[in-house]
Amino acid sequence: MKLRFIILLASVVWTSACTPGSKGPYHSIQGFTQGTTYRITYQHPTESDLQGRIDSLLRRFDSSLSSYDPTSIISAINRNVPGVLTDSMFRTVFRESARVYQVTGGAFDITLAPVINAWGFGPGQKQEVDSAMVDSLLQFVGMEKVSLSGETLVKSDPAVQLNVNAIAQGYSVDVVSAYLEDLGCRNYMVEIGGEIRTHGVNDKGNFWRIGVDRPEYGNMVPGQQLQVIISMHNRSLATSGNYRKFYEKDGVMITHTIDPVTGYPKASSLLSVTILTDECITADAYATACMVMGLENGKKFVDGEKGVDAYFIFGDEFGAYQVWFTDGMKKYIELP
């Protein structure tokens, strides 16, 4: 059967009008990075076009953390190239990944790369996966098999590989946001592949309004069918779901959410997770972890995490959409 691949652009869109602000005009730029798109709106009195500098920053980011770039640091580590030194961006992502691995009980695991690749959601060719293959690959999975020693990543086995796609995109939002703040920007929105960080207000003087898509299979156009609007400022948002990145094989849907414990795509009533935190690196990782945990365990997790708000969309036994959200999320929610 022909395989159907759909690249997931996390299910978020943004809206804002164009009225001059009190500390200079608002500017918007957009482009391509990490196999997806970015849109950035910022207010600055003199910096009208940051396109070249932002693109350069994102290229440096890819040279560290993109597994699709064969010359990147992470690609060299996965190939066991001798003498590879990590940079500060790699180490930040690694340390946060290790922390999230611990607090989620292993639901988030960047050493899952060999299994992700085998299922066809990483670089290289998809394989014919069976239980024997999964069992053989799982022996190389687990954050206890990797560690940092200074600037060097140490593996317990050369077959261990890393995939940071479920956290790096969120971190790239933080990196660009920090750059804007270094330039003196206090009102901005950074969106990369649907992961978002906002600060201050938009050009109308209002909080930034972020639309979260209804998680319907076949809903491939961000913003076309909105489930909810999140009105936010000084926070980051990430959404994870299975309805845009999957393929079908022999009539079975193979989703990109792989359970690190079983090595198989996660079957769950949970369709979409939106996480709101201060830093986008954390929102990105937590959204993925909650999809792996499933509805009930995901609820318990976010309820126990300080400074984390969540909006879950799930299907009930009748196939109807239902929602659950944390108490702290209530103040951000608007109907579309």
C-alpha atoms as a PDB file:
ATOM      1  CA  MET A   1       0.000   0.000   0.000  1.00  0.00           C
ATOM      2  CA  LYS A   2       1.171   3.483  -0.799  1.00  0.00           C
ATOM      3  CA  LEU A   3       2.392   5.169   2.373  1.00  0.00           C
ATOM      4  CA  ARG A   4       0.892   8.508   3.240  1.00  0.00           C
ATOM      5  CA  PHE A   5       3.269  10.923   4.967  1.00  0.00           C
ATOM      6  CA  ILE A   6       2.166  14.311   6.252  1.00  0.00           C
ATOM      7  CA  ILE A   7       4.581  16.719   7.891  1.00  0.00           C
ATOM      8  CA  LEU A   8       3.152  18.022  11.141  1.00  0.00           C
ATOM      9  CA  LEU A   9       3.096  21.803  11.405  1.00  0.00           C
ATOM     10  CA  ALA A  10       1.974  22.014  15.048  1.00  0.00           C
ATOM     11  CA  SER A  11      -1.643  23.030  15.011  1.00  0.00           C
ATOM     12  CA  VAL A  12      -1.374  26.710  15.808  1.00  0.00           C
ATOM     13  CA  VAL A  13      -1.941  29.927  13.844  1.00  0.00           C
ATOM     14  CA  TRP A  14      -1.715  33.566  14.868  1.00  0.00           C
ATOM     15  CA  THR A  15      -3.617  36.736  14.077  1.00  0.00           C
ATOM     16  CA  SER A  16      -2.773  40.404  14.547  1.00  0.00           C
ATOM     17  CA  ALA A  17      -3.533  43.682  12.793  1.00  0.00           C
ATOM     18  CA  CYS A  18      -1.152  46.522  11.907  1.00  0.00           C
ATOM     19  CA  THR A  19      -1.408  49.658  14.013  1.00  0.00           C
ATOM     20  CA  PRO A  20       1.726  51.603  14.992  1.00  0.00           C
ATOM     21  CA  GLY A  21       2.848  51.108  18.590  1.00  0.00           C
ATOM     22  CA  SER A  22       4.059  53.733  21.025  1.00  0.00           C
ATOM     23  CA  LYS A  23       7.693  52.589  20.969  1.00  0.00           C
ATOM     24  CA  GLY A  24       8.141  52.254  17.254  1.00  0.00           C
ATOM     25  CA  PRO A  25       6.411  50.383  14.435  1.00  0.00           C
ATOM     26  CA  TYR A  26       5.720  46.663  14.339  1.00  0.00           C
ATOM     27  CA  HIS A  27       7.554  44.620  11.719  1.00  0.00           C
ATOM     28  CA  SER A  28       6.853  41.125  10.389  1.00  0.00           C
ATOM     29  CA  ILE A  29       9.185  38.672   8.686  1.00  0.00           C
ATOM     30  CA  GLN A  30       8.711  35.086   7.576  1.00  0.00           C
ATOM     31  CA  GLY A  31      10.787  32.316   6.074  1.00  0.00           C
ATOM     32  CA  PHE A  32      11.722  28.647   6.149  1.00  0.00           C
ATOM     33  CA  THR A  33      13.698  26.644   8.696  1.00  0.00           C
ATOM     34  CA  GLN A  34      13.863  23.087  10.072  1.00  0.00           C
ATOM     35  CA  GLY A  35      11.670  21.792   7.254  1.00  0.00           C
ATOM     36  CA  THR A  36       8.873  24.164   8.218  1.00  0.00           C
ATOM     37  CA  THR A  37       8.057  27.877   8.260  1.00  0.00           C
ATOM     38  CA  TYR A  38       8.494  30.720  10.697  1.00  0.00           C
ATOM     39  CA  ARG A  39       6.677  34.011  11.274  1.00  0.00           C
ATOM     40  CA  ILE A  40       7.969  36.694  13.565  1.00  0.00           C
ATOM     41  CA  THR A  41       6.338  39.987  14.513  1.00  0.00           C
ATOM     42  CA  TYR A  42       8.224  42.474  16.662  1.00  0.00           C
ATOM     43  CA  GLN A  43       8.245  46.130  17.653  1.00  0.00           C
ATOM     44  CA  HIS A  44      11.462  48.098  17.333  1.00  0.00           C
ATOM     45  CA  PRO A  45      12.065  51.776  16.502  1.00  0.00           C
ATOM     46  CA  THR A  46      14.949  51.178  14.062  1.00  0.00           C
ATOM     47  CA  GLU A  47      15.316  47.471  13.213  1.00  0.00           C
ATOM     48  CA  SER A  48      12.892  47.115  10.307  1.00  0.00           C
ATOM     49  CA  ASP A  49      14.321  43.975   8.692  1.00  0.00           C
ATOM     50  CA  LEU A  50      15.966  41.248  10.737  1.00  0.00           C
ATOM     51  CA  GLN A  51      15.457  38.552   8.116  1.00  0.00           C
ATOM     52  CA  GLY A  52      19.122  37.966   7.329  1.00  0.00           C
ATOM     53  CA  ARG A  53      20.208  37.873  10.957  1.00  0.00           C
ATOM     54  CA  ILE A  54      17.351  35.584  11.996  1.00  0.00           C
ATOM     55  CA  ASP A  55      18.070  33.214   9.103  1.00  0.00           C
ATOM     56  CA  SER A  56      21.741  33.120  10.077  1.00  0.00           C
ATOM     57  CA  LEU A  57      20.841  32.359  13.689  1.00  0.00           C
ATOM     58  CA  LEU A  58      18.526  29.530  12.635  1.00  0.00           C
ATOM     59  CA  ARG A  59      21.200  28.065  10.349  1.00  0.00           C
ATOM     60  CA  ARG A  60      23.564  27.942  13.319  1.00  0.00           C
ATOM     61  CA  PHE A  61      20.821  26.239  15.281  1.00  0.00           C
ATOM     62  CA  ASP A  62      20.380  23.583  12.580  1.00  0.00           C
ATOM     63  CA  SER A  63      24.135  23.020  12.445  1.00  0.00           C
ATOM     64  CA  SER A  64      23.899  21.935  16.059  1.00  0.00           C
ATOM     65  CA  LEU A  65      20.606  20.051  16.446  1.00  0.00           C
ATOM     66  CA  SER A  66      19.141  19.040  13.075  1.00  0.00           C
ATOM     67  CA  SER A  67      19.248  15.293  12.459  1.00  0.00           C
ATOM     68  CA  TYR A  68      18.364  16.048   8.826  1.00  0.00           C
ATOM     69  CA  ASP A  69      21.618  17.990   8.378  1.00  0.00           C
ATOM     70  CA  PRO A  70      24.402  15.406   7.885  1.00  0.00           C
ATOM     71  CA  THR A  71      27.003  17.970   8.946  1.00  0.00           C
ATOM     72  CA  SER A  72      25.333  18.909  12.236  1.00  0.00           C
ATOM     73  CA  ILE A  73      26.726  18.118  15.665  1.00  0.00           C
ATOM     74  CA  ILE A  74      23.900  15.714  16.470  1.00  0.00           C
ATOM     75  CA  SER A  75      24.337  13.880  13.152  1.00  0.00           C
ATOM     76  CA  ALA A  76      28.057  13.478  13.810  1.00  0.00           C
ATOM     77  CA  ILE A  77      27.312  12.149  17.290  1.00  0.00           C
ATOM     78  CA  ASN A  78      24.812   9.665  15.873  1.00  0.00           C
ATOM     79  CA  ARG A  79      27.471   8.467  13.391  1.00  0.00           C
ATOM     80  CA  ASN A  80      30.052   8.206  16.198  1.00  0.00           C
ATOM     81  CA  VAL A  81      32.471  10.611  14.514  1.00  0.00           C
ATOM     82  CA  PRO A  82      35.538  10.814  16.801  1.00  0.00           C
ATOM     83  CA  GLY A  83      36.269  14.001  18.728  1.00  0.00           C
ATOM     84  CA  VAL A  84      32.890  15.711  18.294  1.00  0.00           C
ATOM     85  CA  LEU A  85      32.387  18.590  20.722  1.00  0.00           C
ATOM     86  CA  THR A  86      28.955  19.842  21.612  1.00  0.00           C
ATOM     87  CA  ASP A  87      28.000  23.516  21.672  1.00  0.00           C
ATOM     88  CA  SER A  88      25.909  25.459  24.185  1.00  0.00           C
ATOM     89  CA  MET A  89      22.666  24.938  22.231  1.00  0.00           C
ATOM     90  CA  PHE A  90      23.146  21.173  22.131  1.00  0.00           C
ATOM     91  CA  ARG A  91      23.950  21.051  25.841  1.00  0.00           C
ATOM     92  CA  THR A  92      20.890  23.129  26.759  1.00  0.00           C
ATOM     93  CA  VAL A  93      18.609  20.767  24.854  1.00  0.00           C
ATOM     94  CA  PHE A  94      20.320  17.688  26.261  1.00  0.00           C
ATOM     95  CA  ARG A  95      20.032  18.852  29.872  1.00  0.00           C
ATOM     96  CA  GLU A  96      16.383  19.838  29.528  1.00  0.00           C
ATOM     97  CA  SER A  97      15.684  16.511  27.791  1.00  0.00           C
ATOM     98  CA  ALA A  98      17.281  14.646  30.694  1.00  0.00           C
ATOM     99  CA  ARG A  99      15.191  16.633  33.188  1.00  0.00           C
ATOM    100  CA  VAL A 100      11.939  16.017  31.290  1.00  0.00           C
ATOM    101  CA  TYR A 101      12.823  12.324  30.986  1.00  0.00           C
ATOM    102  CA  GLN A 102      13.020  12.149  34.769  1.00  0.00           C
ATOM    103  CA  VAL A 103       9.866  14.111  35.617  1.00  0.00           C
ATOM    104  CA  THR A 104       7.766  12.265  33.006  1.00  0.00           C
ATOM    105  CA  GLY A 105       8.939   8.829  34.090  1.00  0.00           C
ATOM    106  CA  GLY A 106      10.555   8.201  30.698  1.00  0.00           C
ATOM    107  CA  ALA A 107       7.586   9.267  28.562  1.00  0.00           C
ATOM    108  CA  PHE A 108       9.900  11.761  26.867  1.00  0.00           C
ATOM    109  CA  ASP A 109      13.136  10.192  25.622  1.00  0.00           C
ATOM    110  CA  ILE A 110      15.488  11.609  22.981  1.00  0.00           C
ATOM    111  CA  THR A 111      17.352   8.267  22.733  1.00  0.00           C
ATOM    112  CA  LEU A 112      14.319   6.841  20.925  1.00  0.00           C
ATOM    113  CA  ALA A 113      15.918   7.775  17.578  1.00  0.00           C
ATOM    114  CA  PRO A 114      16.552   4.196  16.271  1.00  0.00           C
ATOM    115  CA  VAL A 115      12.896   3.288  16.853  1.00  0.00           C
ATOM    116  CA  ILE A 116      11.612   6.565  15.366  1.00  0.00           C
ATOM    117  CA  ASN A 117      13.766   6.011  12.287  1.00  0.00           C
ATOM    118  CA  ALA A 118      12.548   2.435  11.867  1.00  0.00           C
ATOM    119  CA  TRP A 119       8.917   3.585  11.855  1.00  0.00           C
ATOM    120  CA  GLY A 120       9.743   6.190   9.192  1.00  0.00           C
ATOM    121  CA  PHE A 121       9.555   9.413  11.202  1.00  0.00           C
ATOM    122  CA  GLY A 122      13.235  10.346  11.067  1.00  0.00           C
ATOM    123  CA  PRO A 123      15.973  10.629   8.468  1.00  0.00           C
ATOM    124  CA  GLY A 124      16.529   7.594   6.292  1.00  0.00           C
ATOM    125  CA  GLN A 125      14.208   4.926   4.929  1.00  0.00           C
ATOM    126  CA  LYS A 126      11.264   3.430   6.766  1.00  0.00           C
ATOM    127  CA  GLN A 127      11.731  -0.247   7.614  1.00  0.00           C
ATOM    128  CA  GLU A 128       9.415  -3.219   7.870  1.00  0.00           C
ATOM    129  CA  VAL A 129       8.913  -3.155  11.611  1.00  0.00           C
ATOM    130  CA  ASP A 130       8.071  -6.278  13.607  1.00  0.00           C
ATOM    131  CA  SER A 131       8.260  -7.215  17.280  1.00  0.00           C
ATOM    132  CA  ALA A 132      11.741  -8.713  16.940  1.00  0.00           C
ATOM    133  CA  MET A 133      13.067  -5.469  15.453  1.00  0.00           C
ATOM    134  CA  VAL A 134      11.419  -3.338  18.126  1.00  0.00           C
ATOM    135  CA  ASP A 135      12.868  -5.519  20.895  1.00  0.00           C
ATOM    136  CA  SER A 136      16.349  -5.309  19.365  1.00  0.00           C
ATOM    137  CA  LEU A 137      16.181  -1.511  19.082  1.00  0.00           C
ATOM    138  CA  LEU A 138      14.775  -0.884  22.561  1.00  0.00           C
ATOM    139  CA  GLN A 139      17.991  -2.146  24.132  1.00  0.00           C
ATOM    140  CA  PHE A 140      19.607   1.102  22.934  1.00  0.00           C
ATOM    141  CA  VAL A 141      16.856   3.355  24.341  1.00  0.00           C
ATOM    142  CA  GLY A 142      17.070   5.161  27.687  1.00  0.00           C
ATOM    143  CA  MET A 143      18.633   8.394  28.897  1.00  0.00           C
ATOM    144  CA  GLU A 144      20.797   6.473  31.351  1.00  0.00           C
ATOM    145  CA  LYS A 145      22.778   5.337  28.287  1.00  0.00           C
ATOM    146  CA  VAL A 146      24.068   8.858  27.507  1.00  0.00           C
ATOM    147  CA  SER A 147      25.732  11.600  29.531  1.00  0.00           C
ATOM    148  CA  LEU A 148      27.707  14.794  29.126  1.00  0.00           C
ATOM    149  CA  SER A 149      31.350  14.940  30.127  1.00  0.00           C
ATOM    150  CA  GLY A 150      32.359  18.547  29.646  1.00  0.00           C
ATOM    151  CA  GLU A 151      31.684  19.280  25.972  1.00  0.00           C
ATOM    152  CA  THR A 152      31.602  15.609  24.960  1.00  0.00           C
ATOM    153  CA  LEU A 153      28.596  13.320  24.783  1.00  0.00           C
ATOM    154  CA  VAL A 154      29.368   9.872  26.177  1.00  0.00           C
ATOM    155  CA  LYS A 155      27.378   6.798  25.070  1.00  0.00           C
ATOM    156  CA  SER A 156      27.216   3.435  26.791  1.00  0.00           C
ATOM    157  CA  ASP A 157      26.915   1.826  23.348  1.00  0.00           C
ATOM    158  CA  PRO A 158      27.758   3.249  19.894  1.00  0.00           C
ATOM    159  CA  ALA A 159      24.340   2.110  18.633  1.00  0.00           C
ATOM    160  CA  VAL A 160      22.633   4.729  20.844  1.00  0.00           C
ATOM    161  CA  GLN A 161      21.315   7.630  18.763  1.00  0.00           C
ATOM    162  CA  LEU A 162      19.500  10.873  19.536  1.00  0.00           C
ATOM    163  CA  ASN A 163      16.471  12.569  18.029  1.00  0.00           C
ATOM    164  CA  VAL A 164      15.591  15.963  19.542  1.00  0.00           C
ATOM    165  CA  ASN A 165      12.863  16.982  17.094  1.00  0.00           C
ATOM    166  CA  ALA A 166      10.238  16.965  19.869  1.00  0.00           C
ATOM    167  CA  ILE A 167      12.085  19.621  21.868  1.00  0.00           C
ATOM    168  CA  ALA A 168      14.514  21.454  19.579  1.00  0.00           C
ATOM    169  CA  GLN A 169      11.884  23.379  17.646  1.00  0.00           C
ATOM    170  CA  GLY A 170      10.542  24.836  20.865  1.00  0.00           C
ATOM    171  CA  TYR A 171      14.058  25.739  21.904  1.00  0.00           C
ATOM    172  CA  SER A 172      14.657  27.497  18.577  1.00  0.00           C
ATOM    173  CA  VAL A 173      11.715  29.753  19.483  1.00  0.00           C
ATOM    174  CA  ASP A 174      13.435  30.583  22.773  1.00  0.00           C
ATOM    175  CA  VAL A 175      16.730  31.273  20.988  1.00  0.00           C
ATOM    176  CA  VAL A 176      15.126  33.734  18.556  1.00  0.00           C
ATOM    177  CA  SER A 177      13.112  35.338  21.360  1.00  0.00           C
ATOM    178  CA  ALA A 178      16.254  35.874  23.429  1.00  0.00           C
ATOM    179  CA  TYR A 179      17.898  37.497  20.402  1.00  0.00           C
ATOM    180  CA  LEU A 180      14.972  39.898  20.006  1.00  0.00           C
ATOM    181  CA  GLU A 181      15.105  40.812  23.680  1.00  0.00           C
ATOM    182  CA  ASP A 182      18.850  41.463  23.399  1.00  0.00           C
ATOM    183  CA  LEU A 183      17.963  43.970  20.662  1.00  0.00           C
ATOM    184  CA  GLY A 184      15.565  45.693  23.040  1.00  0.00           C
ATOM    185  CA  CYS A 185      12.297  44.258  21.714  1.00  0.00           C
ATOM    186  CA  ARG A 186       9.649  44.046  24.409  1.00  0.00           C
ATOM    187  CA  ASN A 187       6.620  43.331  22.228  1.00  0.00           C
ATOM    188  CA  TYR A 188       6.985  40.355  19.912  1.00  0.00           C
ATOM    189  CA  MET A 189       5.626  37.020  18.770  1.00  0.00           C
ATOM    190  CA  VAL A 190       7.902  34.241  17.481  1.00  0.00           C
ATOM    191  CA  GLU A 191       6.304  31.262  15.743  1.00  0.00           C
ATOM    192  CA  ILE A 192       8.370  28.406  14.283  1.00  0.00           C
ATOM    193  CA  GLY A 193       6.452  25.439  12.934  1.00  0.00           C
ATOM    194  CA  GLY A 194       3.551  26.198  15.259  1.00  0.00           C
ATOM    195  CA  GLU A 195       5.586  26.538  18.458  1.00  0.00           C
ATOM    196  CA  ILE A 196       5.130  30.043  19.832  1.00  0.00           C
ATOM    197  CA  ARG A 197       6.488  32.507  22.334  1.00  0.00           C
ATOM    198  CA  THR A 198       4.972  35.920  22.940  1.00  0.00           C
ATOM    199  CA  HIS A 199       5.983  38.943  24.936  1.00  0.00           C
ATOM    200  CA  GLY A 200       4.096  42.133  25.668  1.00  0.00           C
ATOM    201  CA  VAL A 201       1.230  43.055  23.360  1.00  0.00           C
ATOM    202  CA  ASN A 202       0.402  43.076  19.676  1.00  0.00           C
ATOM    203  CA  ASP A 203       0.122  46.174  17.502  1.00  0.00           C
ATOM    204  CA  LYS A 204      -3.435  46.803  18.731  1.00  0.00           C
ATOM    205  CA  GLY A 205      -2.232  46.904  22.324  1.00  0.00           C
ATOM    206  CA  ASN A 206      -3.924  43.573  23.100  1.00  0.00           C
ATOM    207  CA  PHE A 207      -2.565  40.213  24.183  1.00  0.00           C
ATOM    208  CA  TRP A 208      -1.515  37.936  21.338  1.00  0.00           C
ATOM    209  CA  ARG A 209      -4.358  35.658  20.135  1.00  0.00           C
ATOM    210  CA  ILE A 210      -3.279  32.146  19.182  1.00  0.00           C
ATOM    211  CA  GLY A 211      -5.689  29.765  17.475  1.00  0.00           C
ATOM    212  CA  VAL A 212      -5.529  26.018  18.188  1.00  0.00           C
ATOM    213  CA  ASP A 213      -6.848  23.780  15.409  1.00  0.00           C
ATOM    214  CA  ARG A 214      -9.546  21.165  15.819  1.00  0.00           C
ATOM    215  CA  PRO A 215      -7.682  17.828  15.609  1.00  0.00           C
ATOM    216  CA  GLU A 216      -9.573  16.276  12.707  1.00  0.00           C
ATOM    217  CA  TYR A 217      -7.764  13.871  10.422  1.00  0.00           C
ATOM    218  CA  GLY A 218      -7.544  15.593   7.070  1.00  0.00           C
ATOM    219  CA  ASN A 219      -7.582  19.068   8.637  1.00  0.00           C
ATOM    220  CA  MET A 220      -4.342  20.012   6.928  1.00  0.00           C
ATOM    221  CA  VAL A 221      -4.749  23.794   6.724  1.00  0.00           C
ATOM    222  CA  PRO A 222      -3.779  25.567   9.966  1.00  0.00           C
ATOM    223  CA  GLY A 223      -6.458  28.029  11.017  1.00  0.00           C
ATOM    224  CA  GLN A 224      -9.209  26.594   8.858  1.00  0.00           C
ATOM    225  CA  GLN A 225     -11.059  24.821  11.689  1.00  0.00           C
ATOM    226  CA  LEU A 226     -10.247  26.292  15.077  1.00  0.00           C
ATOM    227  CA  GLN A 227     -11.095  24.581  18.350  1.00  0.00           C
ATOM    228  CA  VAL A 228     -10.119  27.404  20.703  1.00  0.00           C
ATOM    229  CA  ILE A 229      -8.236  30.701  20.842  1.00  0.00           C
ATOM    230  CA  ILE A 230      -5.601  31.283  23.496  1.00  0.00           C
ATOM    231  CA  SER A 231      -5.051  34.930  24.484  1.00  0.00           C
ATOM    232  CA  MET A 232      -1.563  35.148  25.966  1.00  0.00           C
ATOM    233  CA  HIS A 233       1.473  37.270  26.686  1.00  0.00           C
ATOM    234  CA  ASN A 234       4.891  36.631  28.235  1.00  0.00           C
ATOM    235  CA  ARG A 235       4.414  32.881  27.814  1.00  0.00           C
ATOM    236  CA  SER A 236       5.152  30.060  25.368  1.00  0.00           C
ATOM    237  CA  LEU A 237       2.809  27.603  23.713  1.00  0.00           C
ATOM    238  CA  ALA A 238       3.282  24.263  21.961  1.00  0.00           C
ATOM    239  CA  THR A 239       0.766  21.813  20.540  1.00  0.00           C
ATOM    240  CA  SER A 240       1.252  18.128  19.754  1.00  0.00           C
ATOM    241  CA  GLY A 241      -1.165  15.812  17.951  1.00  0.00           C
ATOM    242  CA  ASN A 242      -1.273  12.804  15.645  1.00  0.00           C
ATOM    243  CA  TYR A 243      -3.724  14.024  13.040  1.00  0.00           C
ATOM    244  CA  ARG A 244      -1.196  15.605  10.642  1.00  0.00           C
ATOM    245  CA  LYS A 245       1.868  13.403  10.908  1.00  0.00           C
ATOM    246  CA  PHE A 246       0.961   9.808  10.214  1.00  0.00           C
ATOM    247  CA  TYR A 247       0.744   7.246   7.458  1.00  0.00           C
ATOM    248  CA  GLU A 248      -1.495   4.301   6.754  1.00  0.00           C
ATOM    249  CA  LYS A 249      -0.314   0.756   6.264  1.00  0.00           C
ATOM    250  CA  ASP A 250      -2.673  -2.127   5.558  1.00  0.00           C
ATOM    251  CA  GLY A 251      -5.542   0.015   6.783  1.00  0.00           C
ATOM    252  CA  VAL A 252      -3.843   0.805  10.092  1.00  0.00           C
ATOM    253  CA  MET A 253      -2.905   4.352  11.074  1.00  0.00           C
ATOM    254  CA  ILE A 254       0.761   4.661  12.099  1.00  0.00           C
ATOM    255  CA  THR A 255       1.247   7.868  14.106  1.00  0.00           C
ATOM    256  CA  HIS A 256       4.448   9.681  14.990  1.00  0.00           C
ATOM    257  CA  THR A 257       3.837   9.474  18.759  1.00  0.00           C
ATOM    258  CA  ILE A 258       6.027   6.516  19.719  1.00  0.00           C
ATOM    259  CA  ASP A 259       5.911   5.124  23.263  1.00  0.00           C
ATOM    260  CA  PRO A 260       9.513   4.751  24.539  1.00  0.00           C
ATOM    261  CA  VAL A 261       8.445   1.824  26.728  1.00  0.00           C
ATOM    262  CA  THR A 262       6.806  -0.328  24.039  1.00  0.00           C
ATOM    263  CA  GLY A 263       8.505   1.023  20.921  1.00  0.00           C
ATOM    264  CA  TYR A 264       5.133   1.195  19.159  1.00  0.00           C
ATOM    265  CA  PRO A 265       2.922   4.117  18.091  1.00  0.00           C
ATOM    266  CA  LYS A 266       0.741   5.195  20.983  1.00  0.00           C
ATOM    267  CA  ALA A 267      -2.961   4.379  20.690  1.00  0.00           C
ATOM    268  CA  SER A 268      -4.981   6.801  22.795  1.00  0.00           C
ATOM    269  CA  SER A 269      -8.205   8.790  22.953  1.00  0.00           C
ATOM    270  CA  LEU A 270      -6.042  11.891  23.401  1.00  0.00           C
ATOM    271  CA  LEU A 271      -5.987  13.755  20.086  1.00  0.00           C
ATOM    272  CA  SER A 272      -4.242  17.027  20.827  1.00  0.00           C
ATOM    273  CA  VAL A 273      -2.278  18.559  23.695  1.00  0.00           C
ATOM    274  CA  THR A 274      -1.566  22.269  24.026  1.00  0.00           C
ATOM    275  CA  ILE A 275       0.880  23.294  26.743  1.00  0.00           C
ATOM    276  CA  LEU A 276       1.458  26.799  28.083  1.00  0.00           C
ATOM    277  CA  THR A 277       4.709  27.486  29.983  1.00  0.00           C
ATOM    278  CA  ASP A 278       7.263  30.252  30.352  1.00  0.00           C
ATOM    279  CA  GLU A 279       9.840  28.663  28.016  1.00  0.00           C
ATOM    280  CA  CYS A 280       8.961  27.057  24.705  1.00  0.00           C
ATOM    281  CA  ILE A 281      11.582  24.319  25.071  1.00  0.00           C
ATOM    282  CA  THR A 282       9.585  22.985  28.028  1.00  0.00           C
ATOM    283  CA  ALA A 283       6.183  23.424  26.385  1.00  0.00           C
ATOM    284  CA  ASP A 284       7.366  21.473  23.334  1.00  0.00           C
ATOM    285  CA  ALA A 285       8.715  18.542  25.349  1.00  0.00           C
ATOM    286  CA  TYR A 286       5.730  18.412  27.722  1.00  0.00           C
ATOM    287  CA  ALA A 287       3.222  18.377  24.850  1.00  0.00           C
ATOM    288  CA  THR A 288       4.938  15.320  23.363  1.00  0.00           C
ATOM    289  CA  ALA A 289       5.239  13.607  26.753  1.00  0.00           C
ATOM    290  CA  CYS A 290       1.524  14.066  27.472  1.00  0.00           C
ATOM    291  CA  MET A 291       0.586  12.521  24.119  1.00  0.00           C
ATOM    292  CA  VAL A 292       2.676   9.496  25.107  1.00  0.00           C
ATOM    293  CA  MET A 293       1.190   9.345  28.621  1.00  0.00           C
ATOM    294  CA  GLY A 294      -2.394   9.457  27.408  1.00  0.00           C
ATOM    295  CA  LEU A 295      -5.372  11.306  28.822  1.00  0.00           C
ATOM    296  CA  GLU A 296      -5.507  10.357  32.490  1.00  0.00           C
ATOM    297  CA  ASN A 297      -1.769  10.211  33.169  1.00  0.00           C
ATOM    298  CA  GLY A 298      -1.291  13.430  31.191  1.00  0.00           C
ATOM    299  CA  LYS A 299      -3.855  15.182  33.385  1.00  0.00           C
ATOM    300  CA  LYS A 300      -2.122  14.050  36.553  1.00  0.00           C
ATOM    301  CA  PHE A 301       1.240  15.150  35.233  1.00  0.00           C
ATOM    302  CA  VAL A 302       0.335  18.722  34.259  1.00  0.00           C
ATOM    303  CA  ASP A 303      -1.716  19.194  37.434  1.00  0.00           C
ATOM    304  CA  GLY A 304       1.428  18.429  39.407  1.00  0.00           C
ATOM    305  CA  GLU A 305       3.728  20.758  37.486  1.00  0.00           C
ATOM    306  CA  LYS A 306       4.079  24.314  38.767  1.00  0.00           C
ATOM    307  CA  GLY A 307       3.711  27.019  36.117  1.00  0.00           C
ATOM    308  CA  VAL A 308       2.257  24.655  33.514  1.00  0.00           C
ATOM    309  CA  ASP A 309      -1.188  25.021  31.952  1.00  0.00           C
ATOM    310  CA  ALA A 310      -2.732  22.616  29.468  1.00  0.00           C
ATOM    311  CA  TYR A 311      -5.644  22.191  27.064  1.00  0.00           C
ATOM    312  CA  PHE A 312      -6.441  18.600  26.013  1.00  0.00           C
ATOM    313  CA  ILE A 313      -8.749  17.551  23.187  1.00  0.00           C
ATOM    314  CA  PHE A 314      -9.851  13.918  23.246  1.00  0.00           C
ATOM    315  CA  GLY A 315     -12.484  11.626  21.813  1.00  0.00           C
ATOM    316  CA  ASP A 316     -15.127   9.995  23.977  1.00  0.00           C
ATOM    317  CA  GLU A 317     -16.675   6.533  23.554  1.00  0.00           C
ATOM    318  CA  PHE A 318     -19.163   7.946  21.060  1.00  0.00           C
ATOM    319  CA  GLY A 319     -16.482   9.551  18.880  1.00  0.00           C
ATOM    320  CA  ALA A 320     -17.376  13.095  19.933  1.00  0.00           C
ATOM    321  CA  TYR A 321     -14.759  15.697  20.815  1.00  0.00           C
ATOM    322  CA  GLN A 322     -14.314  16.556  24.473  1.00  0.00           C
ATOM    323  CA  VAL A 323     -11.947  18.997  26.154  1.00  0.00           C
ATOM    324  CA  TRP A 324     -10.169  19.219  29.480  1.00  0.00           C
ATOM    325  CA  PHE A 325      -8.009  22.069  30.712  1.00  0.00           C
ATOM    326  CA  THR A 326      -6.223  23.127  33.857  1.00  0.00           C
ATOM    327  CA  ASP A 327      -7.746  25.745  36.141  1.00  0.00           C
ATOM    328  CA  GLY A 328      -4.965  28.159  35.204  1.00  0.00           C
ATOM    329  CA  MET A 329      -5.815  27.880  31.510  1.00  0.00           C
ATOM    330  CA  LYS A 330      -9.307  29.327  31.980  1.00  0.00           C
ATOM    331  CA  LYS A 331      -8.166  32.946  31.884  1.00  0.00           C
ATOM    332  CA  TYR A 332      -6.482  32.458  28.498  1.00  0.00           C
ATOM    333  CA  ILE A 333      -9.340  30.785  26.654  1.00  0.00           C
ATOM    334  CA  GLU A 334     -11.564  32.467  24.059  1.00  0.00           C
ATOM    335  CA  LEU A 335     -14.080  30.827  21.740  1.00  0.00           C
ATOM    336  CA  PRO A 336     -13.177  31.035  18.023  1.00  0.00           C
END
